[in-house]
PDB file of N, CA and C in Angstrom:
ATOM      1  N   UNK A   1       4.685   7.467 -23.947  1.00  0.00           N
ATOM      2  CA  UNK A   1       5.747   7.773 -23.013  1.00  0.00           C
ATOM      3  C   UNK A   1       5.145   8.386 -21.747  1.00  0.00           C
ATOM      4  N   UNK A   2       5.520   7.880 -20.617  1.00  0.00           N
ATOM      5  CA  UNK A   2       4.982   8.347 -19.339  1.00  0.00           C
ATOM      6  C   UNK A   2       5.644   9.671 -18.942  1.00  0.00           C
ATOM      7  N   UNK A   3       4.842  10.561 -18.385  1.00  0.00           N
ATOM      8  CA  UNK A   3       5.337  11.837 -17.903  1.00  0.00           C
ATOM      9  C   UNK A   3       5.990  11.635 -16.541  1.00  0.00           C
ATOM     10  N   UNK A   4       7.158  12.239 -16.335  1.00  0.00           N
ATOM     11  CA  UNK A   4       7.838  12.140 -15.040  1.00  0.00           C
ATOM     12  C   UNK A   4       7.741  13.481 -14.342  1.00  0.00           C
ATOM     13  N   UNK A   5       7.300  13.441 -13.090  1.00  0.00           N
ATOM     14  CA  UNK A   5       7.222  14.646 -12.276  1.00  0.00           C
ATOM     15  C   UNK A   5       7.943  14.366 -10.974  1.00  0.00           C
ATOM     16  N   UNK A   6       8.845  15.283 -10.599  1.00  0.00           N
ATOM     17  CA  UNK A   6       9.579  15.144  -9.346  1.00  0.00           C
ATOM     18  C   UNK A   6       9.167  16.288  -8.418  1.00  0.00           C
ATOM     19  N   UNK A   7       8.459  15.980  -7.319  1.00  0.00           N
ATOM     20  CA  UNK A   7       8.049  17.030  -6.385  1.00  0.00           C
ATOM     21  C   UNK A   7       9.253  17.693  -5.718  1.00  0.00           C
ATOM     22  N   UNK A   8       9.093  18.956  -5.357  1.00  0.00           N
ATOM     23  CA  UNK A   8      10.151  19.709  -4.682  1.00  0.00           C
ATOM     24  C   UNK A   8       9.834  19.838  -3.197  1.00  0.00           C
ATOM     25  N   UNK A   9      10.860  20.020  -2.386  1.00  0.00           N
ATOM     26  CA  UNK A   9      10.692  20.271  -0.956  1.00  0.00           C
ATOM     27  C   UNK A   9       9.869  19.213  -0.251  1.00  0.00           C
ATOM     28  N   UNK A  10       8.847  19.658   0.489  1.00  0.00           N
ATOM     29  CA  UNK A  10       8.012  18.724   1.252  1.00  0.00           C
ATOM     30  C   UNK A  10       6.729  18.365   0.515  1.00  0.00           C
ATOM     31  N   UNK A  11       6.768  18.405  -0.826  1.00  0.00           N
ATOM     32  CA  UNK A  11       5.588  18.087  -1.637  1.00  0.00           C
ATOM     33  C   UNK A  11       5.555  16.596  -1.974  1.00  0.00           C
ATOM     34  N   UNK A  12       4.320  16.093  -2.194  1.00  0.00           N
ATOM     35  CA  UNK A  12       4.095  14.672  -2.492  1.00  0.00           C
ATOM     36  C   UNK A  12       3.181  14.581  -3.695  1.00  0.00           C
ATOM     37  N   UNK A  13       3.526  13.761  -4.678  1.00  0.00           N
ATOM     38  CA  UNK A  13       2.680  13.499  -5.833  1.00  0.00           C
ATOM     39  C   UNK A  13       1.843  12.267  -5.530  1.00  0.00           C
ATOM     40  N   UNK A  14       0.505  12.423  -5.564  1.00  0.00           N
ATOM     41  CA  UNK A  14      -0.422  11.364  -5.176  1.00  0.00           C
ATOM     42  C   UNK A  14      -1.360  11.043  -6.331  1.00  0.00           C
ATOM     43  N   UNK A  15      -1.495   9.753  -6.659  1.00  0.00           N
ATOM     44  CA  UNK A  15      -2.511   9.330  -7.618  1.00  0.00           C
ATOM     45  C   UNK A  15      -3.806   9.147  -6.837  1.00  0.00           C
ATOM     46  N   UNK A  16      -4.837   9.922  -7.189  1.00  0.00           N
ATOM     47  CA  UNK A  16      -6.105   9.874  -6.477  1.00  0.00           C
ATOM     48  C   UNK A  16      -6.831   8.586  -6.840  1.00  0.00           C
ATOM     49  N   UNK A  17      -7.282   7.845  -5.804  1.00  0.00           N
ATOM     50  CA  UNK A  17      -8.015   6.604  -6.040  1.00  0.00           C
ATOM     51  C   UNK A  17      -9.462   6.942  -6.381  1.00  0.00           C
ATOM     52  N   UNK A  18     -10.029   6.199  -7.301  1.00  0.00           N
ATOM     53  CA  UNK A  18     -11.386   6.454  -7.782  1.00  0.00           C
ATOM     54  C   UNK A  18     -12.432   6.184  -6.710  1.00  0.00           C
ATOM     55  N   UNK A  19     -13.504   6.959  -6.735  1.00  0.00           N
ATOM     56  CA  UNK A  19     -14.628   6.765  -5.824  1.00  0.00           C
ATOM     57  C   UNK A  19     -15.401   5.513  -6.226  1.00  0.00           C
ATOM     58  N   UNK A  20     -16.089   4.936  -5.268  1.00  0.00           N
ATOM     59  CA  UNK A  20     -16.882   3.732  -5.518  1.00  0.00           C
ATOM     60  C   UNK A  20     -18.024   4.032  -6.482  1.00  0.00           C
ATOM     61  N   UNK A  21     -18.275   3.121  -7.416  1.00  0.00           N
ATOM     62  CA  UNK A  21     -19.378   3.285  -8.359  1.00  0.00           C
ATOM     63  C   UNK A  21     -20.656   2.622  -7.858  1.00  0.00           C
ATOM     64  N   UNK A  22     -20.522   1.692  -6.905  1.00  0.00           N
ATOM     65  CA  UNK A  22     -21.676   0.962  -6.385  1.00  0.00           C
ATOM     66  C   UNK A  22     -21.637   1.056  -4.857  1.00  0.00           C
ATOM     67  N   UNK A  23     -22.774   1.367  -4.236  1.00  0.00           N
ATOM     68  CA  UNK A  23     -22.834   1.427  -2.779  1.00  0.00           C
ATOM     69  C   UNK A  23     -22.815   0.019  -2.206  1.00  0.00           C
ATOM     70  N   UNK A  24     -22.639  -0.097  -0.897  1.00  0.00           N
ATOM     71  CA  UNK A  24     -22.641  -1.411  -0.259  1.00  0.00           C
ATOM     72  C   UNK A  24     -23.985  -2.107  -0.437  1.00  0.00           C
ATOM     73  N   UNK A  25     -25.047  -1.323  -0.611  1.00  0.00           N
ATOM     74  CA  UNK A  25     -26.382  -1.886  -0.825  1.00  0.00           C
ATOM     75  C   UNK A  25     -26.640  -2.277  -2.269  1.00  0.00           C
ATOM     76  N   UNK A  26     -25.673  -2.025  -3.160  1.00  0.00           N
ATOM     77  CA  UNK A  26     -25.800  -2.435  -4.549  1.00  0.00           C
ATOM     78  C   UNK A  26     -26.346  -1.361  -5.476  1.00  0.00           C
ATOM     79  N   UNK A  27     -26.500  -0.142  -4.996  1.00  0.00           N
ATOM     80  CA  UNK A  27     -27.022   0.941  -5.823  1.00  0.00           C
ATOM     81  C   UNK A  27     -25.881   1.525  -6.650  1.00  0.00           C
ATOM     82  N   UNK A  28     -26.089   1.619  -7.959  1.00  0.00           N
ATOM     83  CA  UNK A  28     -25.070   2.183  -8.848  1.00  0.00           C
ATOM     84  C   UNK A  28     -25.192   3.703  -8.803  1.00  0.00           C
ATOM     85  N   UNK A  29     -24.078   4.377  -8.539  1.00  0.00           N
ATOM     86  CA  UNK A  29     -24.073   5.833  -8.410  1.00  0.00           C
ATOM     87  C   UNK A  29     -23.711   6.505  -9.732  1.00  0.00           C
ATOM     88  N   UNK A  30     -24.457   7.535 -10.137  1.00  0.00           N
ATOM     89  CA  UNK A  30     -24.046   8.307 -11.312  1.00  0.00           C
ATOM     90  C   UNK A  30     -22.834   9.159 -10.961  1.00  0.00           C
ATOM     91  N   UNK A  31     -22.119   9.640 -11.974  1.00  0.00           N
ATOM     92  CA  UNK A  31     -20.916  10.444 -11.736  1.00  0.00           C
ATOM     93  C   UNK A  31     -21.179  11.650 -10.844  1.00  0.00           C
ATOM     94  N   UNK A  32     -22.356  12.263 -10.967  1.00  0.00           N
ATOM     95  CA  UNK A  32     -22.660  13.466 -10.181  1.00  0.00           C
ATOM     96  C   UNK A  32     -22.844  13.170  -8.705  1.00  0.00           C
ATOM     97  N   UNK A  33     -23.134  11.926  -8.331  1.00  0.00           N
ATOM     98  CA  UNK A  33     -23.374  11.561  -6.931  1.00  0.00           C
ATOM     99  C   UNK A  33     -22.132  11.000  -6.245  1.00  0.00           C
ATOM    100  N   UNK A  34     -21.091  10.705  -7.020  1.00  0.00           N
ATOM    101  CA  UNK A  34     -19.878  10.136  -6.429  1.00  0.00           C
ATOM    102  C   UNK A  34     -19.136  11.208  -5.651  1.00  0.00           C
ATOM    103  N   UNK A  35     -18.680  10.843  -4.462  1.00  0.00           N
ATOM    104  CA  UNK A  35     -17.852  11.755  -3.684  1.00  0.00           C
ATOM    105  C   UNK A  35     -16.405  11.458  -4.016  1.00  0.00           C
ATOM    106  N   UNK A  36     -15.638  12.525  -4.172  1.00  0.00           N
ATOM    107  CA  UNK A  36     -14.215  12.335  -4.426  1.00  0.00           C
ATOM    108  C   UNK A  36     -13.578  11.774  -3.167  1.00  0.00           C
ATOM    109  N   UNK A  37     -12.863  10.674  -3.339  1.00  0.00           N
ATOM    110  CA  UNK A  37     -12.183  10.087  -2.186  1.00  0.00           C
ATOM    111  C   UNK A  37     -10.974  10.927  -1.835  1.00  0.00           C
ATOM    112  N   UNK A  38     -10.728  11.020  -0.592  1.00  0.00           N
ATOM    113  CA  UNK A  38      -9.540  11.714  -0.121  1.00  0.00           C
ATOM    114  C   UNK A  38      -8.492  10.660   0.217  1.00  0.00           C
ATOM    115  N   UNK A  39      -8.329   9.723  -0.699  1.00  0.00           N
ATOM    116  CA  UNK A  39      -7.361   8.642  -0.511  1.00  0.00           C
ATOM    117  C   UNK A  39      -6.577   8.496  -1.804  1.00  0.00           C
ATOM    118  N   UNK A  40      -5.300   8.204  -1.667  1.00  0.00           N
ATOM    119  CA  UNK A  40      -4.486   8.061  -2.857  1.00  0.00           C
ATOM    120  C   UNK A  40      -3.241   7.251  -2.603  1.00  0.00           C
ATOM    121  N   UNK A  41      -2.531   6.998  -3.696  1.00  0.00           N
ATOM    122  CA  UNK A  41      -1.290   6.232  -3.647  1.00  0.00           C
ATOM    123  C   UNK A  41      -0.148   7.199  -3.970  1.00  0.00           C
ATOM    124  N   UNK A  42       0.882   7.195  -3.116  1.00  0.00           N
ATOM    125  CA  UNK A  42       2.029   8.083  -3.311  1.00  0.00           C
ATOM    126  C   UNK A  42       2.839   7.595  -4.506  1.00  0.00           C
ATOM    127  N   UNK A  43       3.010   8.488  -5.486  1.00  0.00           N
ATOM    128  CA  UNK A  43       3.752   8.171  -6.698  1.00  0.00           C
ATOM    129  C   UNK A  43       5.199   8.647  -6.584  1.00  0.00           C
ATOM    130  N   UNK A  44       5.392   9.818  -5.953  1.00  0.00           N
ATOM    131  CA  UNK A  44       6.740  10.371  -5.791  1.00  0.00           C
ATOM    132  C   UNK A  44       6.734  11.345  -4.617  1.00  0.00           C
ATOM    133  N   UNK A  45       7.891  11.508  -3.990  1.00  0.00           N
ATOM    134  CA  UNK A  45       8.024  12.452  -2.872  1.00  0.00           C
ATOM    135  C   UNK A  45       9.226  13.356  -3.112  1.00  0.00           C
ATOM    136  N   UNK A  46       9.145  14.567  -2.556  1.00  0.00           N
ATOM    137  CA  UNK A  46      10.267  15.497  -2.623  1.00  0.00           C
ATOM    138  C   UNK A  46      11.342  15.093  -1.626  1.00  0.00           C
ATOM    139  N   UNK A  47      12.469  15.788  -1.633  1.00  0.00           N
ATOM    140  CA  UNK A  47      13.579  15.441  -0.750  1.00  0.00           C
ATOM    141  C   UNK A  47      13.304  15.699   0.735  1.00  0.00           C
ATOM    142  N   UNK A  48      12.385  16.627   1.044  1.00  0.00           N
ATOM    143  CA  UNK A  48      12.071  16.920   2.434  1.00  0.00           C
ATOM    144  C   UNK A  48      11.990  18.407   2.689  1.00  0.00           C
ATOM    145  N   UNK A  49      11.611  18.729   3.926  1.00  0.00           N
ATOM    146  CA  UNK A  49      11.457  20.122   4.326  1.00  0.00           C
ATOM    147  C   UNK A  49      12.805  20.672   4.782  1.00  0.00           C
ATOM    148  N   UNK A  50      13.148  21.866   4.291  1.00  0.00           N
ATOM    149  CA  UNK A  50      14.386  22.519   4.706  1.00  0.00           C
ATOM    150  C   UNK A  50      14.103  23.276   6.005  1.00  0.00           C
ATOM    151  N   UNK A  51      14.823  22.919   7.051  1.00  0.00           N
ATOM    152  CA  UNK A  51      14.654  23.548   8.359  1.00  0.00           C
ATOM    153  C   UNK A  51      15.431  24.858   8.424  1.00  0.00           C
ATOM    154  N   UNK A  52      15.163  25.673   9.452  1.00  0.00           N
ATOM    155  CA  UNK A  52      15.867  26.949   9.621  1.00  0.00           C
ATOM    156  C   UNK A  52      17.370  26.765   9.721  1.00  0.00           C
ATOM    157  N   UNK A  53      17.790  25.628  10.257  1.00  0.00           N
ATOM    158  CA  UNK A  53      19.223  25.335  10.395  1.00  0.00           C
ATOM    159  C   UNK A  53      19.876  25.012   9.051  1.00  0.00           C
ATOM    160  N   UNK A  54      19.059  24.818   8.012  1.00  0.00           N
ATOM    161  CA  UNK A  54      19.584  24.465   6.696  1.00  0.00           C
ATOM    162  C   UNK A  54      19.570  22.975   6.424  1.00  0.00           C
ATOM    163  N   UNK A  55      19.325  22.178   7.466  1.00  0.00           N
ATOM    164  CA  UNK A  55      19.254  20.728   7.287  1.00  0.00           C
ATOM    165  C   UNK A  55      17.932  20.348   6.633  1.00  0.00           C
ATOM    166  N   UNK A  56      17.927  19.223   5.925  1.00  0.00           N
ATOM    167  CA  UNK A  56      16.714  18.737   5.273  1.00  0.00           C
ATOM    168  C   UNK A  56      16.108  17.629   6.127  1.00  0.00           C
ATOM    169  N   UNK A  57      14.836  17.810   6.508  1.00  0.00           N
ATOM    170  CA  UNK A  57      14.115  16.794   7.281  1.00  0.00           C
ATOM    171  C   UNK A  57      13.366  15.906   6.286  1.00  0.00           C
ATOM    172  N   UNK A  58      13.731  14.613   6.171  1.00  0.00           N
ATOM    173  CA  UNK A  58      13.073  13.722   5.220  1.00  0.00           C
ATOM    174  C   UNK A  58      11.582  13.566   5.542  1.00  0.00           C
ATOM    175  N   UNK A  59      10.799  13.230   4.516  1.00  0.00           N
ATOM    176  CA  UNK A  59       9.364  13.042   4.691  1.00  0.00           C
ATOM    177  C   UNK A  59       9.068  11.687   5.323  1.00  0.00           C
ATOM    178  N   UNK A  60       7.931  11.610   6.041  1.00  0.00           N
ATOM    179  CA  UNK A  60       7.528  10.353   6.671  1.00  0.00           C
ATOM    180  C   UNK A  60       6.913   9.394   5.666  1.00  0.00           C
ATOM    181  N   UNK A  61       6.261   9.914   4.631  1.00  0.00           N
ATOM    182  CA  UNK A  61       5.643   9.048   3.632  1.00  0.00           C
ATOM    183  C   UNK A  61       6.663   8.690   2.570  1.00  0.00           C
ATOM    184  N   UNK A  62       6.439   7.556   1.900  1.00  0.00           N
ATOM    185  CA  UNK A  62       7.355   7.119   0.855  1.00  0.00           C
ATOM    186  C   UNK A  62       6.558   6.620  -0.347  1.00  0.00           C
ATOM    187  N   UNK A  63       7.224   6.480  -1.451  1.00  0.00           N
ATOM    188  CA  UNK A  63       6.599   6.012  -2.679  1.00  0.00           C
ATOM    189  C   UNK A  63       5.919   4.663  -2.419  1.00  0.00           C
ATOM    190  N   UNK A  64       4.669   4.529  -2.882  1.00  0.00           N
ATOM    191  CA  UNK A  64       3.930   3.286  -2.714  1.00  0.00           C
ATOM    192  C   UNK A  64       2.958   3.301  -1.546  1.00  0.00           C
ATOM    193  N   UNK A  65       3.126   4.236  -0.587  1.00  0.00           N
ATOM    194  CA  UNK A  65       2.205   4.328   0.556  1.00  0.00           C
ATOM    195  C   UNK A  65       0.809   4.732   0.077  1.00  0.00           C
ATOM    196  N   UNK A  66      -0.218   4.217   0.762  1.00  0.00           N
ATOM    197  CA  UNK A  66      -1.596   4.692   0.562  1.00  0.00           C
ATOM    198  C   UNK A  66      -1.860   5.687   1.678  1.00  0.00           C
ATOM    199  N   UNK A  67      -2.341   6.861   1.303  1.00  0.00           N
ATOM    200  CA  UNK A  67      -2.532   7.916   2.295  1.00  0.00           C
ATOM    201  C   UNK A  67      -3.948   8.491   2.236  1.00  0.00           C
ATOM    202  N   UNK A  68      -4.336   9.131   3.335  1.00  0.00           N
ATOM    203  CA  UNK A  68      -5.564   9.910   3.412  1.00  0.00           C
ATOM    204  C   UNK A  68      -5.154  11.368   3.489  1.00  0.00           C
ATOM    205  N   UNK A  69      -5.873  12.215   2.760  1.00  0.00           N
ATOM    206  CA  UNK A  69      -5.577  13.650   2.779  1.00  0.00           C
ATOM    207  C   UNK A  69      -6.889  14.412   2.745  1.00  0.00           C
ATOM    208  N   UNK A  70      -6.853  15.675   3.099  1.00  0.00           N
ATOM    209  CA  UNK A  70      -8.050  16.505   3.113  1.00  0.00           C
ATOM    210  C   UNK A  70      -8.677  16.583   1.727  1.00  0.00           C
ATOM    211  N   UNK A  71     -10.002  16.564   1.669  1.00  0.00           N
ATOM    212  CA  UNK A  71     -10.739  16.549   0.408  1.00  0.00           C
ATOM    213  C   UNK A  71     -10.334  17.699  -0.514  1.00  0.00           C
ATOM    214  N   UNK A  72     -10.089  18.876   0.049  1.00  0.00           N
ATOM    215  CA  UNK A  72      -9.754  20.045  -0.762  1.00  0.00           C
ATOM    216  C   UNK A  72      -8.266  20.379  -0.709  1.00  0.00           C
ATOM    217  N   UNK A  73      -7.441  19.426  -0.291  1.00  0.00           N
ATOM    218  CA  UNK A  73      -5.999  19.643  -0.167  1.00  0.00           C
ATOM    219  C   UNK A  73      -5.317  19.640  -1.527  1.00  0.00           C
ATOM    220  N   UNK A  74      -4.210  20.327  -1.604  1.00  0.00           N
ATOM    221  CA  UNK A  74      -3.324  20.238  -2.750  1.00  0.00           C
ATOM    222  C   UNK A  74      -3.859  20.827  -4.038  1.00  0.00           C
ATOM    223  N   UNK A  75      -3.084  20.632  -5.083  1.00  0.00           N
ATOM    224  CA  UNK A  75      -3.427  21.101  -6.418  1.00  0.00           C
ATOM    225  C   UNK A  75      -3.634  19.898  -7.329  1.00  0.00           C
ATOM    226  N   UNK A  76      -4.743  19.906  -8.061  1.00  0.00           N
ATOM    227  CA  UNK A  76      -5.098  18.791  -8.924  1.00  0.00           C
ATOM    228  C   UNK A  76      -4.431  18.941 -10.287  1.00  0.00           C
ATOM    229  N   UNK A  77      -3.857  17.842 -10.780  1.00  0.00           N
ATOM    230  CA  UNK A  77      -3.278  17.809 -12.116  1.00  0.00           C
ATOM    231  C   UNK A  77      -3.645  16.475 -12.764  1.00  0.00           C
ATOM    232  N   UNK A  78      -3.539  16.413 -14.082  1.00  0.00           N
ATOM    233  CA  UNK A  78      -3.780  15.166 -14.810  1.00  0.00           C
ATOM    234  C   UNK A  78      -2.468  14.737 -15.456  1.00  0.00           C
ATOM    235  N   UNK A  79      -2.097  13.485 -15.214  1.00  0.00           N
ATOM    236  CA  UNK A  79      -0.875  12.924 -15.789  1.00  0.00           C
ATOM    237  C   UNK A  79      -1.259  11.657 -16.527  1.00  0.00           C
ATOM    238  N   UNK A  80      -0.980  11.619 -17.807  1.00  0.00           N
ATOM    239  CA  UNK A  80      -1.285  10.454 -18.645  1.00  0.00           C
ATOM    240  C   UNK A  80      -2.738  10.004 -18.468  1.00  0.00           C
ATOM    241  N   UNK A  81      -3.673  10.965 -18.363  1.00  0.00           N
ATOM    242  CA  UNK A  81      -5.095  10.666 -18.272  1.00  0.00           C
ATOM    243  C   UNK A  81      -5.594  10.284 -16.892  1.00  0.00           C
ATOM    244  N   UNK A  82      -4.733  10.281 -15.880  1.00  0.00           N
ATOM    245  CA  UNK A  82      -5.140   9.918 -14.517  1.00  0.00           C
ATOM    246  C   UNK A  82      -5.086  11.143 -13.618  1.00  0.00           C
ATOM    247  N   UNK A  83      -6.051  11.209 -12.662  1.00  0.00           N
ATOM    248  CA  UNK A  83      -6.116  12.330 -11.736  1.00  0.00           C
ATOM    249  C   UNK A  83      -5.067  12.174 -10.634  1.00  0.00           C
ATOM    250  N   UNK A  84      -4.291  13.234 -10.431  1.00  0.00           N
ATOM    251  CA  UNK A  84      -3.268  13.283  -9.391  1.00  0.00           C
ATOM    252  C   UNK A  84      -3.423  14.572  -8.600  1.00  0.00           C
ATOM    253  N   UNK A  85      -2.813  14.611  -7.429  1.00  0.00           N
ATOM    254  CA  UNK A  85      -2.731  15.831  -6.637  1.00  0.00           C
ATOM    255  C   UNK A  85      -1.302  15.978  -6.149  1.00  0.00           C
ATOM    256  N   UNK A  86      -0.888  17.232  -6.018  1.00  0.00           N
ATOM    257  CA  UNK A  86       0.378  17.526  -5.365  1.00  0.00           C
ATOM    258  C   UNK A  86       0.010  18.161  -4.036  1.00  0.00           C
ATOM    259  N   UNK A  87       0.373  17.488  -2.935  1.00  0.00           N
ATOM    260  CA  UNK A  87       0.026  17.961  -1.595  1.00  0.00           C
ATOM    261  C   UNK A  87       1.289  18.142  -0.764  1.00  0.00           C
ATOM    262  N   UNK A  88       1.205  19.014   0.227  1.00  0.00           N
ATOM    263  CA  UNK A  88       2.292  19.158   1.190  1.00  0.00           C
ATOM    264  C   UNK A  88       2.178  18.025   2.205  1.00  0.00           C
ATOM    265  N   UNK A  89       3.284  17.665   2.809  1.00  0.00           N
ATOM    266  CA  UNK A  89       3.248  16.597   3.812  1.00  0.00           C
ATOM    267  C   UNK A  89       2.313  16.964   4.967  1.00  0.00           C
ATOM    268  N   UNK A  90       2.214  18.234   5.303  1.00  0.00           N
ATOM    269  CA  UNK A  90       1.346  18.659   6.411  1.00  0.00           C
ATOM    270  C   UNK A  90      -0.134  18.438   6.085  1.00  0.00           C
ATOM    271  N   UNK A  91      -0.493  18.256   4.799  1.00  0.00           N
ATOM    272  CA  UNK A  91      -1.876  18.005   4.408  1.00  0.00           C
ATOM    273  C   UNK A  91      -2.242  16.519   4.460  1.00  0.00           C
ATOM    274  N   UNK A  92      -1.252  15.658   4.678  1.00  0.00           N
ATOM    275  CA  UNK A  92      -1.493  14.223   4.793  1.00  0.00           C
ATOM    276  C   UNK A  92      -2.027  13.942   6.186  1.00  0.00           C
ATOM    277  N   UNK A  93      -3.198  13.291   6.241  1.00  0.00           N
ATOM    278  CA  UNK A  93      -3.823  13.002   7.512  1.00  0.00           C
ATOM    279  C   UNK A  93      -3.346  11.687   8.124  1.00  0.00           C
ATOM    280  N   UNK A  94      -3.108  10.681   7.272  1.00  0.00           N
ATOM    281  CA  UNK A  94      -2.720   9.353   7.771  1.00  0.00           C
ATOM    282  C   UNK A  94      -2.177   8.488   6.655  1.00  0.00           C
ATOM    283  N   UNK A  95      -1.424   7.470   7.040  1.00  0.00           N
ATOM    284  CA  UNK A  95      -0.966   6.420   6.118  1.00  0.00           C
ATOM    285  C   UNK A  95      -1.864   5.219   6.368  1.00  0.00           C
ATOM    286  N   UNK A  96      -2.441   4.664   5.288  1.00  0.00           N
ATOM    287  CA  UNK A  96      -3.315   3.491   5.402  1.00  0.00           C
ATOM    288  C   UNK A  96      -2.440   2.242   5.393  1.00  0.00           C
ATOM    289  N   UNK A  97      -2.572   1.412   6.449  1.00  0.00           N
ATOM    290  CA  UNK A  97      -1.740   0.200   6.521  1.00  0.00           C
ATOM    291  C   UNK A  97      -2.548  -1.029   6.217  1.00  0.00           C
TER     292      UNK A  97
END
């Protein structure tokens, strides 16, 4: 059974994409040499940021988007054996198109 997580406020649940195991030159990298990618796929988004006026500002990212985020952004969690992060929308650097 899959675990369901619903982010709150301006939080985004991101499945972290795995780092490359082979360099462009064909060198196989051991686990200790792999850099964690700061790229992921949006799994779920919160309803949005609550403004001072009380209105909710919807998030720019949506489920299914591929995003770039800061390497040390968010909080890391494991869901069904896969690495995920919960990040704030302000920690998202870009949407990959």
